[in-house]
C-alpha atoms as a PDB file:
ATOM      1  CA  MET A   1       9.635  29.952  45.805  1.00  0.00           C
ATOM      2  CA  PHE A   2       8.899  27.717  42.790  1.00  0.00           C
ATOM      3  CA  LEU A   3       5.094  26.192  42.426  1.00  0.00           C
ATOM      4  CA  SER A   4       5.014  23.059  41.084  1.00  0.00           C
ATOM      5  CA  LEU A   5       1.886  23.217  38.630  1.00  0.00           C
ATOM      6  CA  THR A   6       1.508  19.214  38.553  1.00  0.00           C
ATOM      7  CA  PRO A   7      -0.519  18.571  41.331  1.00  0.00           C
ATOM      8  CA  ILE A   8      -3.022  21.889  39.743  1.00  0.00           C
ATOM      9  CA  ARG A   9      -3.335  19.823  36.690  1.00  0.00           C
ATOM     10  CA  ARG A  10      -4.260  16.698  37.990  1.00  0.00           C
ATOM     11  CA  ALA A  11      -7.089  18.679  40.488  1.00  0.00           C
ATOM     12  CA  VAL A  12      -8.004  20.328  37.022  1.00  0.00           C
ATOM     13  CA  LEU A  13      -8.181  16.700  35.198  1.00  0.00           C
ATOM     14  CA  ALA A  14      -9.923  15.561  38.193  1.00  0.00           C
ATOM     15  CA  LEU A  15     -12.729  17.885  38.034  1.00  0.00           C
ATOM     16  CA  VAL A  16     -13.259  17.800  34.519  1.00  0.00           C
ATOM     17  CA  LEU A  17     -13.282  14.179  34.003  1.00  0.00           C
ATOM     18  CA  THR A  18     -15.654  14.259  37.644  1.00  0.00           C
ATOM     19  CA  SER A  19     -17.635  16.949  35.953  1.00  0.00           C
ATOM     20  CA  THR A  20     -17.463  14.585  32.516  1.00  0.00           C
ATOM     21  CA  LEU A  21     -19.383  11.926  34.130  1.00  0.00           C
ATOM     22  CA  THR A  22     -21.457  13.423  36.805  1.00  0.00           C
ATOM     23  CA  PHE A  23     -23.471  15.604  33.848  1.00  0.00           C
ATOM     24  CA  GLY A  24     -23.263  12.587  32.013  1.00  0.00           C
ATOM     25  CA  LEU A  25     -25.101  10.281  33.883  1.00  0.00           C
ATOM     26  CA  ALA A  26     -27.802  12.762  34.548  1.00  0.00           C
ATOM     27  CA  ALA A  27     -28.237  13.233  30.446  1.00  0.00           C
ATOM     28  CA  CYS A  28     -28.711   9.736  30.450  1.00  0.00           C
ATOM     29  CA  GLY A  29     -30.931   9.724  32.939  1.00  0.00           C
ATOM     30  CA  GLY A  30     -28.877   7.790  34.750  1.00  0.00           C
ATOM     31  CA  SER A  31     -29.059   3.643  35.630  1.00  0.00           C
ATOM     32  CA  ASN A  32     -32.328   3.069  37.851  1.00  0.00           C
ATOM     33  CA  HIS A  33     -33.775   1.756  35.608  1.00  0.00           C
ATOM     34  CA  ALA A  34     -34.898  -0.650  38.181  1.00  0.00           C
ATOM     35  CA  ALA A  35     -37.229   1.995  40.046  1.00  0.00           C
ATOM     36  CA  ARG A  36     -39.119   2.968  36.705  1.00  0.00           C
ATOM     37  CA  PRO A  37     -42.109   1.509  36.230  1.00  0.00           C
ATOM     38  CA  ALA A  38     -42.996  -1.345  34.146  1.00  0.00           C
ATOM     39  CA  LYS A  39     -45.558   0.672  31.518  1.00  0.00           C
ATOM     40  CA  GLU A  40     -42.709   3.929  31.629  1.00  0.00           C
ATOM     41  CA  THR A  41     -40.319   1.304  29.993  1.00  0.00           C
ATOM     42  CA  ALA A  42     -42.471  -0.417  28.347  1.00  0.00           C
ATOM     43  CA  ALA A  43     -43.378   3.112  26.302  1.00  0.00           C
ATOM     44  CA  ALA A  44     -39.790   4.036  26.504  1.00  0.00           C
ATOM     45  CA  ALA A  45     -38.738  -0.010  24.495  1.00  0.00           C
ATOM     46  CA  ALA A  46     -42.193   1.175  22.238  1.00  0.00           C
ATOM     47  CA  ALA A  47     -40.784   4.715  21.377  1.00  0.00           C
ATOM     48  CA  PRO A  48     -38.802   4.872  17.866  1.00  0.00           C
ATOM     49  CA  SER A  49     -35.208   4.829  17.913  1.00  0.00           C
ATOM     50  CA  PRO A  50     -32.884   7.297  16.970  1.00  0.00           C
ATOM     51  CA  SER A  51     -31.562   4.772  14.210  1.00  0.00           C
ATOM     52  CA  THR A  52     -34.821   4.363  12.333  1.00  0.00           C
ATOM     53  CA  SER A  53     -35.037   1.870   8.737  1.00  0.00           C
ATOM     54  CA  ALA A  54     -34.897   5.316   7.016  1.00  0.00           C
ATOM     55  CA  GLU A  55     -31.805   6.379   8.804  1.00  0.00           C
ATOM     56  CA  LYS A  56     -30.282   2.542   8.451  1.00  0.00           C
ATOM     57  CA  VAL A  57     -31.222   3.324   4.139  1.00  0.00           C
ATOM     58  CA  LYS A  58     -28.612   6.410   4.727  1.00  0.00           C
ATOM     59  CA  PHE A  59     -26.275   4.947   6.703  1.00  0.00           C
ATOM     60  CA  ALA A  60     -26.014   2.221   4.039  1.00  0.00           C
ATOM     61  CA  LYS A  61     -26.016   4.242   0.827  1.00  0.00           C
ATOM     62  CA  THR A  62     -23.065   5.929   2.428  1.00  0.00           C
ATOM     63  CA  LYS A  63     -21.153   3.502   3.477  1.00  0.00           C
ATOM     64  CA  PHE A  64     -21.944   1.318   0.292  1.00  0.00           C
ATOM     65  CA  VAL A  65     -20.418   4.732  -1.528  1.00  0.00           C
ATOM     66  CA  ALA A  66     -17.456   5.035   0.897  1.00  0.00           C
ATOM     67  CA  ASN A  67     -16.629   1.292   0.286  1.00  0.00           C
ATOM     68  CA  ALA A  68     -16.957   1.120  -3.432  1.00  0.00           C
ATOM     69  CA  GLY A  69     -15.188   4.425  -3.497  1.00  0.00           C
ATOM     70  CA  LEU A  70     -12.141   2.986  -1.584  1.00  0.00           C
ATOM     71  CA  ALA A  71     -11.921   0.419  -3.813  1.00  0.00           C
ATOM     72  CA  ALA A  72     -12.122   2.088  -7.060  1.00  0.00           C
ATOM     73  CA  GLY A  73      -9.198   4.509  -5.944  1.00  0.00           C
ATOM     74  CA  ALA A  74      -6.966   1.855  -5.306  1.00  0.00           C
ATOM     75  CA  THR A  75      -7.730  -0.119  -8.226  1.00  0.00           C
ATOM     76  CA  TYR A  76      -7.260   2.942 -10.673  1.00  0.00           C
ATOM     77  CA  GLN A  77      -3.783   3.934  -8.198  1.00  0.00           C
ATOM     78  CA  TRP A  78      -2.117   1.212  -8.072  1.00  0.00           C
ATOM     79  CA  ILE A  79      -3.418  -1.250 -10.621  1.00  0.00           C
ATOM     80  CA  VAL A  80      -4.486   0.167 -13.467  1.00  0.00           C
ATOM     81  CA  LYS A  81      -2.091   3.183 -13.583  1.00  0.00           C
ATOM     82  CA  PRO A  82       1.185   1.325 -13.311  1.00  0.00           C
ATOM     83  CA  TYR A  83      -0.015  -1.534 -15.256  1.00  0.00           C
ATOM     84  CA  ARG A  84      -0.887   1.107 -18.244  1.00  0.00           C
ATOM     85  CA  ALA A  85       2.903   2.493 -17.283  1.00  0.00           C
ATOM     86  CA  GLY A  86       4.720  -0.667 -18.233  1.00  0.00           C
ATOM     87  CA  LYS A  87       5.380  -1.040 -14.256  1.00  0.00           C
ATOM     88  CA  PHE A  88       4.631  -4.583 -14.539  1.00  0.00           C
ATOM     89  CA  LYS A  89       6.692  -6.128 -16.917  1.00  0.00           C
ATOM     90  CA  LYS A  90      10.218  -7.762 -16.441  1.00  0.00           C
ATOM     91  CA  GLY A  91      12.897  -5.391 -15.982  1.00  0.00           C
ATOM     92  CA  ALA A  92      11.098  -2.359 -15.842  1.00  0.00           C
ATOM     93  CA  ASP A  93      12.514   0.052 -12.687  1.00  0.00           C
ATOM     94  CA  GLY A  94      10.183  -0.463  -9.362  1.00  0.00           C
ATOM     95  CA  ARG A  95       8.485  -3.404 -11.146  1.00  0.00           C
ATOM     96  CA  THR A  96       8.704  -5.363  -7.706  1.00  0.00           C
ATOM     97  CA  PHE A  97       7.590  -2.838  -5.801  1.00  0.00           C
ATOM     98  CA  ALA A  98       4.990  -2.341  -7.639  1.00  0.00           C
ATOM     99  CA  LEU A  99       3.625  -5.185  -8.006  1.00  0.00           C
ATOM    100  CA  VAL A 100       3.621  -5.700  -4.276  1.00  0.00           C
ATOM    101  CA  LYS A 101       1.603  -2.710  -4.152  1.00  0.00           C
ATOM    102  CA  ALA A 102      -0.933  -4.101  -7.037  1.00  0.00           C
ATOM    103  CA  GLY A 103      -0.513  -7.057  -4.511  1.00  0.00           C
ATOM    104  CA  LEU A 104      -1.980  -5.348  -1.843  1.00  0.00           C
ATOM    105  CA  ALA A 105      -4.929  -2.806  -3.468  1.00  0.00           C
ATOM    106  CA  GLY A 106      -5.747  -5.951  -5.292  1.00  0.00           C
ATOM    107  CA  ALA A 107      -6.512  -7.543  -1.955  1.00  0.00           C
ATOM    108  CA  PHE A 108      -7.955  -4.384  -0.583  1.00  0.00           C
ATOM    109  CA  THR A 109      -9.938  -3.590  -3.198  1.00  0.00           C
ATOM    110  CA  TYR A 110     -11.283  -7.160  -3.147  1.00  0.00           C
ATOM    111  CA  ASN A 111     -12.372  -6.668   0.636  1.00  0.00           C
ATOM    112  CA  ARG A 112     -13.822  -2.862   0.249  1.00  0.00           C
ATOM    113  CA  LEU A 113     -15.678  -4.318  -2.208  1.00  0.00           C
ATOM    114  CA  LYS A 114     -17.081  -7.590  -0.633  1.00  0.00           C
ATOM    115  CA  ALA A 115     -17.754  -4.523   2.445  1.00  0.00           C
ATOM    116  CA  ALA A 116     -19.896  -2.290  -0.224  1.00  0.00           C
ATOM    117  CA  ILE A 117     -22.010  -5.558  -1.119  1.00  0.00           C
ATOM    118  CA  LYS A 118     -22.818  -6.069   2.915  1.00  0.00           C
ATOM    119  CA  ASP A 119     -23.493  -2.357   2.888  1.00  0.00           C
ATOM    120  CA  ALA A 120     -25.778  -2.077  -0.250  1.00  0.00           C
ATOM    121  CA  LYS A 121     -27.842  -5.461   1.395  1.00  0.00           C
ATOM    122  CA  GLY A 122     -29.032  -2.535   3.852  1.00  0.00           C
ATOM    123  CA  ASP A 123     -31.257  -0.973   1.247  1.00  0.00           C
ATOM    124  CA  PRO A 124     -33.596  -2.286  -0.782  1.00  0.00           C
ATOM    125  CA  THR A 125     -32.441  -0.352  -4.150  1.00  0.00           C
ATOM    126  CA  LEU A 126     -28.729  -1.232  -3.650  1.00  0.00           C
ATOM    127  CA  SER A 127     -29.175  -4.666  -2.614  1.00  0.00           C
ATOM    128  CA  LYS A 128     -31.206  -5.557  -5.712  1.00  0.00           C
ATOM    129  CA  ALA A 129     -28.819  -3.380  -8.221  1.00  0.00           C
ATOM    130  CA  VAL A 130     -25.595  -4.940  -6.607  1.00  0.00           C
ATOM    131  CA  ALA A 131     -27.003  -8.548  -6.058  1.00  0.00           C
ATOM    132  CA  PRO A 132     -25.640  -9.993  -9.390  1.00  0.00           C
ATOM    133  CA  LEU A 133     -21.969  -8.361  -9.058  1.00  0.00           C
ATOM    134  CA  THR A 134     -21.272 -10.683  -5.962  1.00  0.00           C
ATOM    135  CA  ALA A 135     -19.804 -13.056  -8.656  1.00  0.00           C
ATOM    136  CA  GLY A 136     -17.453 -10.651 -10.135  1.00  0.00           C
ATOM    137  CA  VAL A 137     -16.139  -9.713  -6.645  1.00  0.00           C
ATOM    138  CA  ASN A 138     -15.539 -13.547  -5.740  1.00  0.00           C
ATOM    139  CA  LYS A 139     -13.157 -13.581  -9.255  1.00  0.00           C
ATOM    140  CA  LEU A 140     -10.891 -10.983  -7.721  1.00  0.00           C
ATOM    141  CA  LYS A 141     -10.117 -12.943  -4.823  1.00  0.00           C
ATOM    142  CA  GLU A 142      -7.748 -14.916  -6.678  1.00  0.00           C
ATOM    143  CA  LEU A 143      -6.301 -11.977  -8.711  1.00  0.00           C
ATOM    144  CA  GLY A 144      -4.503  -9.947  -5.582  1.00  0.00           C
ATOM    145  CA  SER A 145      -1.850 -13.028  -5.409  1.00  0.00           C
ATOM    146  CA  LYS A 146      -1.424 -13.388  -9.428  1.00  0.00           C
ATOM    147  CA  LEU A 147      -0.344  -9.544  -9.291  1.00  0.00           C
ATOM    148  CA  ARG A 148       1.794 -10.254  -6.281  1.00  0.00           C
ATOM    149  CA  LYS A 149       3.755 -12.764  -7.836  1.00  0.00           C
ATOM    150  CA  GLY A 150       3.532 -10.658 -11.349  1.00  0.00           C
ATOM    151  CA  ASP A 151       1.402 -13.236 -13.386  1.00  0.00           C
ATOM    152  CA  ALA A 152      -1.279 -10.579 -14.122  1.00  0.00           C
ATOM    153  CA  ASP A 153      -2.133  -9.426 -18.029  1.00  0.00           C
ATOM    154  CA  LYS A 154      -3.875  -7.366 -19.464  1.00  0.00           C
ATOM    155  CA  GLY A 155      -7.273  -9.719 -18.928  1.00  0.00           C
ATOM    156  CA  ASP A 156      -7.026  -9.835 -15.338  1.00  0.00           C
ATOM    157  CA  ILE A 157      -6.648  -5.647 -14.684  1.00  0.00           C
ATOM    158  CA  ASP A 158      -9.555  -5.768 -17.011  1.00  0.00           C
ATOM    159  CA  SER A 159     -11.710  -7.788 -14.806  1.00  0.00           C
ATOM    160  CA  PHE A 160     -10.404  -5.493 -12.034  1.00  0.00           C
ATOM    161  CA  LYS A 161     -11.743  -2.826 -14.014  1.00  0.00           C
ATOM    162  CA  ASP A 162     -14.640  -3.782 -15.192  1.00  0.00           C
ATOM    163  CA  THR A 163     -16.040  -5.003 -11.707  1.00  0.00           C
ATOM    164  CA  ILE A 164     -15.062  -1.315 -10.384  1.00  0.00           C
ATOM    165  CA  ASN A 165     -17.459   0.241 -13.000  1.00  0.00           C
ATOM    166  CA  ASP A 166     -20.076  -2.462 -13.082  1.00  0.00           C
ATOM    167  CA  MET A 167     -19.936  -1.333  -8.810  1.00  0.00           C
ATOM    168  CA  LYS A 168     -20.353   2.146 -10.223  1.00  0.00           C
ATOM    169  CA  LYS A 169     -23.033   1.406 -12.411  1.00  0.00           C
ATOM    170  CA  ALA A 170     -25.257  -0.062 -10.095  1.00  0.00           C
ATOM    171  CA  GLY A 171     -25.159   2.515  -7.646  1.00  0.00           C
ATOM    172  CA  LYS A 172     -25.741   5.358  -9.831  1.00  0.00           C
ATOM    173  CA  GLU A 173     -28.750   2.851 -11.357  1.00  0.00           C
ATOM    174  CA  ALA A 174     -29.633   3.256  -7.110  1.00  0.00           C
ATOM    175  CA  GLY A 175     -29.399   6.333  -6.979  1.00  0.00           C
ATOM    176  CA  VAL A 176     -25.760   7.458  -5.731  1.00  0.00           C
ATOM    177  CA  ASP A 177     -22.889   8.636  -7.675  1.00  0.00           C
ATOM    178  CA  VAL A 178     -19.373   6.317  -6.223  1.00  0.00           C
ATOM    179  CA  LYS A 179     -16.380   8.366  -7.385  1.00  0.00           C
ATOM    180  CA  ASN A 180     -12.890   7.312  -7.109  1.00  0.00           C
ATOM    181  CA  LYS A 181     -10.821   7.788  -3.592  1.00  0.00           C
ATOM    182  CA  VAL A 182      -7.433   6.564  -3.396  1.00  0.00           C
ATOM    183  CA  PRO A 183      -6.720   5.507   0.111  1.00  0.00           C
ATOM    184  CA  SER A 184      -3.233   6.089   1.586  1.00  0.00           C
ATOM    185  CA  THR A 185      -0.294   3.161   1.512  1.00  0.00           C
ATOM    186  CA  SER A 186      -0.859   2.205   4.524  1.00  0.00           C
ATOM    187  CA  ASP A 187      -4.546   1.428   4.252  1.00  0.00           C
ATOM    188  CA  LEU A 188      -3.207  -0.931   1.916  1.00  0.00           C
ATOM    189  CA  GLY A 189      -1.578  -2.922   4.738  1.00  0.00           C
ATOM    190  CA  SER A 190      -4.351  -3.044   7.011  1.00  0.00           C
END
C-alpha cells in the first residue's frame, strides 16, 4: 500500500508555522498594550531604541559607501572603459549596444549618487563633505540621455569621472573609503 507524503508535509508545515508565530509573539511580549500600566508604557517609550543616533551615523556611512561605490563601478565599467576603447565612435562594432548600456549606466549613476547624497545627510561629517557636490550630480541628469543618443563627448565622460572622483574624495575626507563596485547589467535596468 502506497502512503502519500503530502498530508504529512502539510501537517509539519502547519506545525512549524504555528510554532514560529506563537514563539514570535511570545518573544515580542504580545500585543496587549492596553493591560500595561501607564508608567510602564511611558518608561518603555523613553528607553533608548536599538537605533541610536550613533548607529544611524554608521548606517548612513555604510549606505553612502555602497551607493557611491555602485555609481563609481557603473561609470567606469559601462561609460569610461567603452569610451576609451572607442565603442561610442560611429561605425564601431557593438556601438548601439554600448550606447544603450552607457545611457542606462548614466541614469543608474545619477540615481545612486542622489541616494548617496541623501545618505550623507544622515552623518554630520559626510553632509559637510558632500553638500558641495550636489550641483555636479545634478548636471549628470541630462548626460544619461546624451550617452543614449550618442551625443556624449570627452568633456561629458570627464564630468562623470570628475563627479565620481569628487564623491570618493569627499568620502575619504569623512573617513570612509569608496571603492568601485560594478553592478550587474540587470541592476542597470531596474
